[in-house]
Amino acid sequence: MKEVFRGLVFEYDTAGLMKRPDDHRLISFIAGQGYGVIQKFSEVLSILKMLPNKVGIEGAAELINDPNKGLKEVNEELQTYSPHITGVPHFLV
């Protein structure tokens, strides 16, 4: 999987923050569909990254291009809403 993503200029790393579980599930599902589907999906993702600038969302390019930008806010939300969660799925009874 890492080699496929590296060939598409993406880094496949499950050790970092999981920002959205649905995204992770979708990528795992797509990975089983073959290289052609992954290639098409990555092209659409590239288009999505350009959309904020097209509609005039200031600062979007900086956010997308800097993996550390916005990280503080994400970590603060994680601490506020999900302390002590270390895995997915997580159930609170």
PDB file of N, CA and C in Angstrom:
ATOM      1  N   MET A   1       0.827  -1.182   0.000  1.00  0.00           N
ATOM      2  CA  MET A   1       0.000   0.000   0.000  1.00  0.00           C
ATOM      3  C   MET A   1       0.875   1.250   0.000  1.00  0.00           C
ATOM      4  N   LYS A   2       1.926   1.247   0.817  1.00  0.00           N
ATOM      5  CA  LYS A   2       2.796   2.417   0.880  1.00  0.00           C
ATOM      6  C   LYS A   2       3.419   2.724  -0.485  1.00  0.00           C
ATOM      7  N   GLU A   3       3.794   1.674  -1.222  1.00  0.00           N
ATOM      8  CA  GLU A   3       4.413   1.872  -2.537  1.00  0.00           C
ATOM      9  C   GLU A   3       3.414   2.458  -3.537  1.00  0.00           C
ATOM     10  N   VAL A   4       2.178   1.993  -3.491  1.00  0.00           N
ATOM     11  CA  VAL A   4       1.155   2.521  -4.390  1.00  0.00           C
ATOM     12  C   VAL A   4       0.954   4.000  -4.137  1.00  0.00           C
ATOM     13  N   PHE A   5       0.799   4.381  -2.875  1.00  0.00           N
ATOM     14  CA  PHE A   5       0.594   5.784  -2.538  1.00  0.00           C
ATOM     15  C   PHE A   5       1.832   6.618  -2.865  1.00  0.00           C
ATOM     16  N   ARG A   6       3.018   6.078  -2.608  1.00  0.00           N
ATOM     17  CA  ARG A   6       4.249   6.812  -2.905  1.00  0.00           C
ATOM     18  C   ARG A   6       4.334   7.094  -4.402  1.00  0.00           C
ATOM     19  N   GLY A   7       3.903   6.129  -5.232  1.00  0.00           N
ATOM     20  CA  GLY A   7       3.891   6.325  -6.672  1.00  0.00           C
ATOM     21  C   GLY A   7       2.939   7.429  -7.105  1.00  0.00           C
ATOM     22  N   LEU A   8       1.967   7.739  -6.265  1.00  0.00           N
ATOM     23  CA  LEU A   8       1.002   8.803  -6.548  1.00  0.00           C
ATOM     24  C   LEU A   8       1.375  10.098  -5.827  1.00  0.00           C
ATOM     25  N   VAL A   9       2.566  10.140  -5.278  1.00  0.00           N
ATOM     26  CA  VAL A   9       3.083  11.291  -4.545  1.00  0.00           C
ATOM     27  C   VAL A   9       2.251  11.560  -3.286  1.00  0.00           C
ATOM     28  N   PHE A  10       1.812  10.497  -2.632  1.00  0.00           N
ATOM     29  CA  PHE A  10       1.127  10.586  -1.346  1.00  0.00           C
ATOM     30  C   PHE A  10       1.889   9.732  -0.356  1.00  0.00           C
ATOM     31  N   GLU A  11       1.812  10.084   0.897  1.00  0.00           N
ATOM     32  CA  GLU A  11       2.446   9.293   1.942  1.00  0.00           C
ATOM     33  C   GLU A  11       1.361   8.535   2.684  1.00  0.00           C
ATOM     34  N   TYR A  12       1.439   7.219   2.684  1.00  0.00           N
ATOM     35  CA  TYR A  12       0.466   6.393   3.395  1.00  0.00           C
ATOM     36  C   TYR A  12       1.039   6.103   4.767  1.00  0.00           C
ATOM     37  N   ASP A  13       0.456   6.711   5.793  1.00  0.00           N
ATOM     38  CA  ASP A  13       0.988   6.578   7.141  1.00  0.00           C
ATOM     39  C   ASP A  13      -0.172   6.502   8.113  1.00  0.00           C
ATOM     40  N   THR A  14      -0.305   5.376   8.780  1.00  0.00           N
ATOM     41  CA  THR A  14      -1.398   5.213   9.743  1.00  0.00           C
ATOM     42  C   THR A  14      -0.968   5.591  11.152  1.00  0.00           C
ATOM     43  N   ALA A  15       0.253   6.072  11.322  1.00  0.00           N
ATOM     44  CA  ALA A  15       0.744   6.402  12.658  1.00  0.00           C
ATOM     45  C   ALA A  15       0.321   7.788  13.122  1.00  0.00           C
ATOM     46  N   GLY A  16      -0.100   8.646  12.224  1.00  0.00           N
ATOM     47  CA  GLY A  16      -0.444  10.017  12.586  1.00  0.00           C
ATOM     48  C   GLY A  16      -1.880  10.155  13.048  1.00  0.00           C
ATOM     49  N   LEU A  17      -2.319  11.384  13.116  1.00  0.00           N
ATOM     50  CA  LEU A  17      -3.694  11.644  13.512  1.00  0.00           C
ATOM     51  C   LEU A  17      -4.659  11.163  12.448  1.00  0.00           C
ATOM     52  N   MET A  18      -5.732  10.552  12.867  1.00  0.00           N
ATOM     53  CA  MET A  18      -6.774  10.191  11.930  1.00  0.00           C
ATOM     54  C   MET A  18      -7.817  11.287  12.010  1.00  0.00           C
ATOM     55  N   LYS A  19      -7.824  12.138  11.007  1.00  0.00           N
ATOM     56  CA  LYS A  19      -8.678  13.311  11.055  1.00  0.00           C
ATOM     57  C   LYS A  19     -10.145  12.969  10.876  1.00  0.00           C
ATOM     58  N   ARG A  20     -10.422  12.012  10.004  1.00  0.00           N
ATOM     59  CA  ARG A  20     -11.816  11.648   9.758  1.00  0.00           C
ATOM     60  C   ARG A  20     -11.894  10.154   9.494  1.00  0.00           C
ATOM     61  N   PRO A  21     -12.506   9.388  10.367  1.00  0.00           N
ATOM     62  CA  PRO A  21     -12.589   7.943  10.189  1.00  0.00           C
ATOM     63  C   PRO A  21     -13.232   7.533   8.870  1.00  0.00           C
ATOM     64  N   ASP A  22     -14.205   8.302   8.372  1.00  0.00           N
ATOM     65  CA  ASP A  22     -14.842   7.955   7.107  1.00  0.00           C
ATOM     66  C   ASP A  22     -13.845   8.012   5.959  1.00  0.00           C
ATOM     67  N   ASP A  23     -12.926   8.989   5.998  1.00  0.00           N
ATOM     68  CA  ASP A  23     -11.905   9.082   4.966  1.00  0.00           C
ATOM     69  C   ASP A  23     -11.030   7.838   4.982  1.00  0.00           C
ATOM     70  N   HIS A  24     -10.648   7.406   6.163  1.00  0.00           N
ATOM     71  CA  HIS A  24      -9.796   6.231   6.303  1.00  0.00           C
ATOM     72  C   HIS A  24     -10.503   4.991   5.752  1.00  0.00           C
ATOM     73  N   ARG A  25     -11.764   4.838   6.086  1.00  0.00           N
ATOM     74  CA  ARG A  25     -12.523   3.686   5.590  1.00  0.00           C
ATOM     75  C   ARG A  25     -12.651   3.725   4.070  1.00  0.00           C
ATOM     76  N   LEU A  26     -12.883   4.910   3.531  1.00  0.00           N
ATOM     77  CA  LEU A  26     -13.023   5.056   2.090  1.00  0.00           C
ATOM     78  C   LEU A  26     -11.714   4.723   1.375  1.00  0.00           C
ATOM     79  N   ILE A  27     -10.611   5.230   1.884  1.00  0.00           N
ATOM     80  CA  ILE A  27      -9.315   4.942   1.261  1.00  0.00           C
ATOM     81  C   ILE A  27      -9.004   3.455   1.328  1.00  0.00           C
ATOM     82  N   SER A  28      -9.307   2.805   2.437  1.00  0.00           N
ATOM     83  CA  SER A  28      -9.089   1.361   2.552  1.00  0.00           C
ATOM     84  C   SER A  28      -9.938   0.606   1.537  1.00  0.00           C
ATOM     85  N   PHE A  29     -11.170   1.040   1.365  1.00  0.00           N
ATOM     86  CA  PHE A  29     -12.072   0.405   0.402  1.00  0.00           C
ATOM     87  C   PHE A  29     -11.557   0.601  -1.025  1.00  0.00           C
ATOM     88  N   ILE A  30     -11.143   1.814  -1.350  1.00  0.00           N
ATOM     89  CA  ILE A  30     -10.650   2.128  -2.692  1.00  0.00           C
ATOM     90  C   ILE A  30      -9.383   1.339  -2.999  1.00  0.00           C
ATOM     91  N   ALA A  31      -8.547   1.136  -1.986  1.00  0.00           N
ATOM     92  CA  ALA A  31      -7.293   0.415  -2.189  1.00  0.00           C
ATOM     93  C   ALA A  31      -7.535  -0.979  -2.752  1.00  0.00           C
ATOM     94  N   GLY A  32      -8.655  -1.581  -2.413  1.00  0.00           N
ATOM     95  CA  GLY A  32      -8.986  -2.904  -2.918  1.00  0.00           C
ATOM     96  C   GLY A  32      -9.547  -2.898  -4.326  1.00  0.00           C
ATOM     97  N   GLN A  33      -9.768  -1.733  -4.885  1.00  0.00           N
ATOM     98  CA  GLN A  33     -10.376  -1.626  -6.217  1.00  0.00           C
ATOM     99  C   GLN A  33      -9.343  -1.627  -7.346  1.00  0.00           C
ATOM    100  N   GLY A  34      -8.075  -1.558  -6.992  1.00  0.00           N
ATOM    101  CA  GLY A  34      -7.037  -1.602  -8.011  1.00  0.00           C
ATOM    102  C   GLY A  34      -6.399  -0.253  -8.271  1.00  0.00           C
ATOM    103  N   TYR A  35      -5.256  -0.323  -8.939  1.00  0.00           N
ATOM    104  CA  TYR A  35      -4.442   0.864  -9.177  1.00  0.00           C
ATOM    105  C   TYR A  35      -5.173   1.920  -9.999  1.00  0.00           C
ATOM    106  N   GLY A  36      -5.926   1.521 -11.007  1.00  0.00           N
ATOM    107  CA  GLY A  36      -6.632   2.477 -11.862  1.00  0.00           C
ATOM    108  C   GLY A  36      -7.613   3.327 -11.088  1.00  0.00           C
ATOM    109  N   VAL A  37      -8.330   2.711 -10.173  1.00  0.00           N
ATOM    110  CA  VAL A  37      -9.298   3.449  -9.359  1.00  0.00           C
ATOM    111  C   VAL A  37      -8.571   4.395  -8.409  1.00  0.00           C
ATOM    112  N   ILE A  38      -7.483   3.922  -7.826  1.00  0.00           N
ATOM    113  CA  ILE A  38      -6.696   4.766  -6.930  1.00  0.00           C
ATOM    114  C   ILE A  38      -6.166   5.984  -7.700  1.00  0.00           C
ATOM    115  N   GLN A  39      -5.704   5.760  -8.928  1.00  0.00           N
ATOM    116  CA  GLN A  39      -5.186   6.856  -9.752  1.00  0.00           C
ATOM    117  C   GLN A  39      -6.276   7.891 -10.012  1.00  0.00           C
ATOM    118  N   LYS A  40      -7.466   7.448 -10.403  1.00  0.00           N
ATOM    119  CA  LYS A  40      -8.578   8.370 -10.666  1.00  0.00           C
ATOM    120  C   LYS A  40      -8.969   9.126  -9.400  1.00  0.00           C
ATOM    121  N   PHE A  41      -8.995   8.421  -8.278  1.00  0.00           N
ATOM    122  CA  PHE A  41      -9.346   9.043  -7.004  1.00  0.00           C
ATOM    123  C   PHE A  41      -8.346  10.124  -6.632  1.00  0.00           C
ATOM    124  N   SER A  42      -7.055   9.856  -6.832  1.00  0.00           N
ATOM    125  CA  SER A  42      -6.035  10.849  -6.486  1.00  0.00           C
ATOM    126  C   SER A  42      -6.158  12.082  -7.380  1.00  0.00           C
ATOM    127  N   GLU A  43      -6.574  11.906  -8.630  1.00  0.00           N
ATOM    128  CA  GLU A  43      -6.781  13.058  -9.515  1.00  0.00           C
ATOM    129  C   GLU A  43      -7.919  13.932  -8.997  1.00  0.00           C
ATOM    130  N   VAL A  44      -8.982  13.310  -8.536  1.00  0.00           N
ATOM    131  CA  VAL A  44     -10.107  14.067  -7.989  1.00  0.00           C
ATOM    132  C   VAL A  44      -9.688  14.792  -6.716  1.00  0.00           C
ATOM    133  N   LEU A  45      -8.896  14.148  -5.875  1.00  0.00           N
ATOM    134  CA  LEU A  45      -8.399  14.800  -4.668  1.00  0.00           C
ATOM    135  C   LEU A  45      -7.576  16.035  -5.018  1.00  0.00           C
ATOM    136  N   SER A  46      -6.772  15.942  -6.075  1.00  0.00           N
ATOM    137  CA  SER A  46      -5.985  17.102  -6.494  1.00  0.00           C
ATOM    138  C   SER A  46      -6.884  18.261  -6.892  1.00  0.00           C
ATOM    139  N   ILE A  47      -7.973  17.954  -7.571  1.00  0.00           N
ATOM    140  CA  ILE A  47      -8.932  18.988  -7.974  1.00  0.00           C
ATOM    141  C   ILE A  47      -9.578  19.606  -6.733  1.00  0.00           C
ATOM    142  N   LEU A  48      -9.938  18.778  -5.771  1.00  0.00           N
ATOM    143  CA  LEU A  48     -10.568  19.287  -4.549  1.00  0.00           C
ATOM    144  C   LEU A  48      -9.658  20.251  -3.804  1.00  0.00           C
ATOM    145  N   LYS A  49      -8.359  20.006  -3.839  1.00  0.00           N
ATOM    146  CA  LYS A  49      -7.419  20.894  -3.154  1.00  0.00           C
ATOM    147  C   LYS A  49      -7.369  22.274  -3.790  1.00  0.00           C
ATOM    148  N   MET A  50      -7.747  22.383  -5.061  1.00  0.00           N
ATOM    149  CA  MET A  50      -7.728  23.671  -5.749  1.00  0.00           C
ATOM    150  C   MET A  50      -9.017  24.463  -5.540  1.00  0.00           C
ATOM    151  N   LEU A  51     -10.091  23.805  -5.153  1.00  0.00           N
ATOM    152  CA  LEU A  51     -11.390  24.469  -5.038  1.00  0.00           C
ATOM    153  C   LEU A  51     -11.438  25.640  -4.060  1.00  0.00           C
ATOM    154  N   PRO A  52     -10.845  25.555  -2.878  1.00  0.00           N
ATOM    155  CA  PRO A  52     -10.932  26.706  -1.962  1.00  0.00           C
ATOM    156  C   PRO A  52     -10.443  28.007  -2.584  1.00  0.00           C
ATOM    157  N   ASN A  53      -9.362  27.958  -3.357  1.00  0.00           N
ATOM    158  CA  ASN A  53      -8.862  29.173  -4.005  1.00  0.00           C
ATOM    159  C   ASN A  53      -9.838  29.663  -5.068  1.00  0.00           C
ATOM    160  N   LYS A  54     -10.467  28.745  -5.760  1.00  0.00           N
ATOM    161  CA  LYS A  54     -11.403  29.126  -6.822  1.00  0.00           C
ATOM    162  C   LYS A  54     -12.619  29.846  -6.272  1.00  0.00           C
ATOM    163  N   VAL A  55     -13.034  29.518  -5.052  1.00  0.00           N
ATOM    164  CA  VAL A  55     -14.212  30.172  -4.468  1.00  0.00           C
ATOM    165  C   VAL A  55     -13.827  31.288  -3.501  1.00  0.00           C
ATOM    166  N   GLY A  56     -12.519  31.565  -3.401  1.00  0.00           N
ATOM    167  CA  GLY A  56     -12.077  32.715  -2.628  1.00  0.00           C
ATOM    168  C   GLY A  56     -11.892  32.489  -1.143  1.00  0.00           C
ATOM    169  N   ILE A  57     -11.575  31.282  -0.738  1.00  0.00           N
ATOM    170  CA  ILE A  57     -11.309  31.021   0.678  1.00  0.00           C
ATOM    171  C   ILE A  57      -9.845  31.361   0.945  1.00  0.00           C
ATOM    172  N   GLU A  58      -9.620  32.472   1.636  1.00  0.00           N
ATOM    173  CA  GLU A  58      -8.264  32.946   1.896  1.00  0.00           C
ATOM    174  C   GLU A  58      -7.532  32.028   2.868  1.00  0.00           C
ATOM    175  N   GLY A  59      -6.271  31.775   2.575  1.00  0.00           N
ATOM    176  CA  GLY A  59      -5.430  30.971   3.454  1.00  0.00           C
ATOM    177  C   GLY A  59      -5.516  29.475   3.210  1.00  0.00           C
ATOM    178  N   ALA A  60      -6.384  29.037   2.307  1.00  0.00           N
ATOM    179  CA  ALA A  60      -6.549  27.599   2.067  1.00  0.00           C
ATOM    180  C   ALA A  60      -5.288  26.972   1.488  1.00  0.00           C
ATOM    181  N   ALA A  61      -4.646  27.659   0.556  1.00  0.00           N
ATOM    182  CA  ALA A  61      -3.424  27.112  -0.054  1.00  0.00           C
ATOM    183  C   ALA A  61      -2.338  26.916   0.996  1.00  0.00           C
ATOM    184  N   GLU A  62      -2.203  27.884   1.890  1.00  0.00           N
ATOM    185  CA  GLU A  62      -1.199  27.766   2.946  1.00  0.00           C
ATOM    186  C   GLU A  62      -1.515  26.580   3.860  1.00  0.00           C
ATOM    187  N   LEU A  63      -2.783  26.397   4.162  1.00  0.00           N
ATOM    188  CA  LEU A  63      -3.197  25.279   5.010  1.00  0.00           C
ATOM    189  C   LEU A  63      -2.895  23.944   4.340  1.00  0.00           C
ATOM    190  N   ILE A  64      -3.235  23.833   3.079  1.00  0.00           N
ATOM    191  CA  ILE A  64      -3.023  22.583   2.348  1.00  0.00           C
ATOM    192  C   ILE A  64      -1.540  22.283   2.189  1.00  0.00           C
ATOM    193  N   ASN A  65      -0.743  23.302   1.927  1.00  0.00           N
ATOM    194  CA  ASN A  65       0.682  23.100   1.653  1.00  0.00           C
ATOM    195  C   ASN A  65       1.543  22.952   2.895  1.00  0.00           C
ATOM    196  N   ASP A  66       1.026  23.295   4.057  1.00  0.00           N
ATOM    197  CA  ASP A  66       1.798  23.189   5.293  1.00  0.00           C
ATOM    198  C   ASP A  66       1.108  22.202   6.232  1.00  0.00           C
ATOM    199  N   PRO A  67       1.639  20.978   6.343  1.00  0.00           N
ATOM    200  CA  PRO A  67       0.993  19.960   7.171  1.00  0.00           C
ATOM    201  C   PRO A  67       0.925  20.319   8.657  1.00  0.00           C
ATOM    202  N   ASN A  68       1.716  21.314   9.085  1.00  0.00           N
ATOM    203  CA  ASN A  68       1.690  21.720  10.489  1.00  0.00           C
ATOM    204  C   ASN A  68       0.672  22.816  10.767  1.00  0.00           C
ATOM    205  N   LYS A  69       0.220  23.485   9.712  1.00  0.00           N
ATOM    206  CA  LYS A  69      -0.735  24.586   9.877  1.00  0.00           C
ATOM    207  C   LYS A  69      -2.096  23.993  10.283  1.00  0.00           C
ATOM    208  N   GLY A  70      -2.647  24.513  11.345  1.00  0.00           N
ATOM    209  CA  GLY A  70      -3.933  24.021  11.843  1.00  0.00           C
ATOM    210  C   GLY A  70      -3.808  22.834  12.786  1.00  0.00           C
ATOM    211  N   LEU A  71      -2.616  22.314  12.930  1.00  0.00           N
ATOM    212  CA  LEU A  71      -2.401  21.145  13.782  1.00  0.00           C
ATOM    213  C   LEU A  71      -2.690  21.453  15.246  1.00  0.00           C
ATOM    214  N   LYS A  72      -2.329  22.653  15.688  1.00  0.00           N
ATOM    215  CA  LYS A  72      -2.586  23.057  17.069  1.00  0.00           C
ATOM    216  C   LYS A  72      -4.081  23.010  17.364  1.00  0.00           C
ATOM    217  N   GLU A  73      -4.885  23.546  16.433  1.00  0.00           N
ATOM    218  CA  GLU A  73      -6.339  23.563  16.631  1.00  0.00           C
ATOM    219  C   GLU A  73      -6.921  22.150  16.648  1.00  0.00           C
ATOM    220  N   VAL A  74      -6.403  21.288  15.766  1.00  0.00           N
ATOM    221  CA  VAL A  74      -6.868  19.894  15.744  1.00  0.00           C
ATOM    222  C   VAL A  74      -6.544  19.213  17.060  1.00  0.00           C
ATOM    223  N   ASN A  75      -5.325  19.425  17.545  1.00  0.00           N
ATOM    224  CA  ASN A  75      -4.929  18.809  18.815  1.00  0.00           C
ATOM    225  C   ASN A  75      -5.761  19.328  19.978  1.00  0.00           C
ATOM    226  N   GLU A  76      -6.081  20.627  19.964  1.00  0.00           N
ATOM    227  CA  GLU A  76      -6.924  21.192  21.020  1.00  0.00           C
ATOM    228  C   GLU A  76      -8.314  20.563  20.995  1.00  0.00           C
ATOM    229  N   GLU A  77      -8.867  20.372  19.806  1.00  0.00           N
ATOM    230  CA  GLU A  77     -10.183  19.723  19.698  1.00  0.00           C
ATOM    231  C   GLU A  77     -10.121  18.288  20.183  1.00  0.00           C
ATOM    232  N   LEU A  78      -9.049  17.590  19.826  1.00  0.00           N
ATOM    233  CA  LEU A  78      -8.907  16.209  20.287  1.00  0.00           C
ATOM    234  C   LEU A  78      -8.845  16.140  21.804  1.00  0.00           C
ATOM    235  N   GLN A  79      -8.102  17.045  22.412  1.00  0.00           N
ATOM    236  CA  GLN A  79      -8.004  17.068  23.869  1.00  0.00           C
ATOM    237  C   GLN A  79      -9.343  17.409  24.518  1.00  0.00           C
ATOM    238  N   THR A  80     -10.090  18.283  23.883  1.00  0.00           N
ATOM    239  CA  THR A  80     -11.373  18.698  24.437  1.00  0.00           C
ATOM    240  C   THR A  80     -12.433  17.614  24.293  1.00  0.00           C
ATOM    241  N   TYR A  81     -12.520  17.039  23.109  1.00  0.00           N
ATOM    242  CA  TYR A  81     -13.646  16.150  22.809  1.00  0.00           C
ATOM    243  C   TYR A  81     -13.318  14.666  22.859  1.00  0.00           C
ATOM    244  N   SER A  82     -12.050  14.310  22.851  1.00  0.00           N
ATOM    245  CA  SER A  82     -11.742  12.883  22.830  1.00  0.00           C
ATOM    246  C   SER A  82     -10.468  12.531  23.596  1.00  0.00           C
ATOM    247  N   PRO A  83     -10.377  12.973  24.852  1.00  0.00           N
ATOM    248  CA  PRO A  83      -9.180  12.626  25.611  1.00  0.00           C
ATOM    249  C   PRO A  83      -9.113  11.120  25.863  1.00  0.00           C
ATOM    250  N   HIS A  84      -7.936  10.587  25.850  1.00  0.00           N
ATOM    251  CA  HIS A  84      -7.654   9.188  26.158  1.00  0.00           C
ATOM    252  C   HIS A  84      -8.106   8.221  25.074  1.00  0.00           C
ATOM    253  N   ILE A  85      -8.576   8.687  23.940  1.00  0.00           N
ATOM    254  CA  ILE A  85      -8.922   7.787  22.840  1.00  0.00           C
ATOM    255  C   ILE A  85      -7.642   7.515  22.074  1.00  0.00           C
ATOM    256  N   THR A  86      -7.292   6.243  21.960  1.00  0.00           N
ATOM    257  CA  THR A  86      -6.052   5.873  21.287  1.00  0.00           C
ATOM    258  C   THR A  86      -6.273   4.974  20.094  1.00  0.00           C
ATOM    259  N   GLY A  87      -7.517   4.653  19.781  1.00  0.00           N
ATOM    260  CA  GLY A  87      -7.779   3.777  18.654  1.00  0.00           C
ATOM    261  C   GLY A  87      -9.176   3.968  18.097  1.00  0.00           C
ATOM    262  N   VAL A  88      -9.367   3.396  16.931  1.00  0.00           N
ATOM    263  CA  VAL A  88     -10.653   3.462  16.247  1.00  0.00           C
ATOM    264  C   VAL A  88     -11.051   2.049  15.897  1.00  0.00           C
ATOM    265  N   PRO A  89     -12.262   1.601  16.106  1.00  0.00           N
ATOM    266  CA  PRO A  89     -13.370   2.374  16.658  1.00  0.00           C
ATOM    267  C   PRO A  89     -13.228   2.535  18.167  1.00  0.00           C
ATOM    268  N   HIS A  90     -13.910   3.517  18.680  1.00  0.00           N
ATOM    269  CA  HIS A  90     -13.896   3.801  20.118  1.00  0.00           C
ATOM    270  C   HIS A  90     -15.333   3.851  20.607  1.00  0.00           C
ATOM    271  N   PHE A  91     -15.605   3.136  21.684  1.00  0.00           N
ATOM    272  CA  PHE A  91     -16.960   3.115  22.238  1.00  0.00           C
ATOM    273  C   PHE A  91     -16.911   3.617  23.678  1.00  0.00           C
ATOM    274  N   LEU A  92     -17.827   4.463  24.019  1.00  0.00           N
ATOM    275  CA  LEU A  92     -17.939   4.965  25.379  1.00  0.00           C
ATOM    276  C   LEU A  92     -19.290   4.511  25.916  1.00  0.00           C
ATOM    277  N   VAL A  93     -19.239   3.736  26.986  1.00  0.00           N
ATOM    278  CA  VAL A  93     -20.482   3.209  27.558  1.00  0.00           C
ATOM    279  C   VAL A  93     -20.784   3.916  28.851  1.00  0.00           C
TER     280      VAL A  93
END
